[in-house]
Amino acid sequence: MMECTSMSSEIKFENHSLLEEKKGANKGRVKLTDLVSRLNQEKKRERNSNIALSAAAISAIAVFGIILSI
């Protein structure tokens, strides 16, 4: 059993290490499908952040325009 005195990041690291040791056979190799899925996830994150930034900029311009027109 793990002690409760360790930090959550240490627990995550230990759990991750245990999972990697269990895989064992693929040590040192990276699957192409894993890389492609990571790339797609990164593209989605970047697209979502770009949309949020664009919406914030448009909102700021609209508010500034309304204030100027008053």
Protein backbone atom coordinates (compact mmCIF):
# COMPACT_ATOMS: atom_id res chain seq x y z
CA MET A 1 0.00 0.00 0.00
CA MET A 2 1.07 3.58 -0.57
CA GLU A 3 1.52 5.99 2.28
CA CYS A 4 -0.84 8.96 2.41
CA THR A 5 2.01 11.34 3.24
CA SER A 6 3.15 11.70 -0.37
CA MET A 7 1.91 14.43 -2.68
CA SER A 8 -0.64 13.72 -5.37
CA SER A 9 1.88 14.38 -8.16
CA GLU A 10 4.17 11.77 -6.64
CA ILE A 11 1.30 9.28 -6.53
CA LYS A 12 0.50 9.98 -10.18
CA PHE A 13 4.15 9.55 -11.10
CA GLU A 14 4.38 6.26 -9.19
CA ASN A 15 1.18 4.97 -10.80
CA HIS A 16 2.45 6.00 -14.22
CA SER A 17 5.76 4.25 -13.57
CA LEU A 18 3.97 1.07 -12.54
CA LEU A 19 1.87 1.13 -15.70
CA GLU A 20 4.98 1.60 -17.84
CA GLU A 21 6.71 -1.32 -16.13
CA LYS A 22 3.72 -3.57 -16.80
CA LYS A 23 3.79 -2.73 -20.52
CA GLY A 24 7.49 -3.61 -20.70
CA ALA A 25 7.43 -5.07 -24.23
CA ASN A 26 6.96 -1.66 -25.91
CA LYS A 27 9.70 0.04 -23.91
CA GLY A 28 11.54 2.51 -26.11
CA ARG A 29 9.01 2.35 -28.93
CA VAL A 30 6.26 4.78 -29.84
CA LYS A 31 3.24 3.80 -31.85
CA LEU A 32 2.32 5.97 -34.81
CA THR A 33 -1.36 5.91 -33.85
CA ASP A 34 -0.48 7.31 -30.42
CA LEU A 35 1.43 10.16 -32.01
CA VAL A 36 -1.40 10.93 -34.41
CA SER A 37 -3.97 10.94 -31.61
CA ARG A 38 -1.77 13.28 -29.54
CA LEU A 39 -1.40 15.57 -32.55
CA ASN A 40 -5.18 15.66 -33.05
CA GLN A 41 -5.77 16.43 -29.37
CA GLU A 42 -3.24 19.25 -29.50
CA LYS A 43 -4.92 20.69 -32.61
CA LYS A 44 -8.30 20.62 -30.86
CA ARG A 45 -6.88 22.40 -27.80
CA GLU A 46 -5.23 25.04 -29.96
CA ARG A 47 -8.39 25.57 -32.03
CA ASN A 48 -10.50 25.96 -28.88
CA SER A 49 -8.08 28.47 -27.38
CA ASN A 50 -8.03 30.43 -30.65
CA ILE A 51 -11.83 30.54 -30.69
CA ALA A 52 -11.94 31.75 -27.09
CA LEU A 53 -9.32 34.43 -27.78
CA SER A 54 -11.17 35.60 -30.89
CA ALA A 55 -14.47 35.80 -29.01
CA ALA A 56 -12.83 37.84 -26.26
CA ALA A 57 -11.28 40.24 -28.78
CA ILE A 58 -14.55 40.71 -30.66
CA SER A 59 -16.40 41.30 -27.39
CA ALA A 60 -13.84 43.89 -26.29
CA ILE A 61 -14.13 45.71 -29.63
CA ALA A 62 -17.94 45.66 -29.43
CA VAL A 63 -17.94 47.03 -25.87
CA PHE A 64 -15.44 49.73 -26.83
CA GLY A 65 -17.59 50.68 -29.83
CA ILE A 66 -20.73 50.90 -27.71
CA ILE A 67 -18.95 53.09 -25.16
CA LEU A 68 -17.70 55.41 -27.91
CA SER A 69 -21.14 55.75 -29.43
CA ILE A 70 -22.72 56.94 -26.17
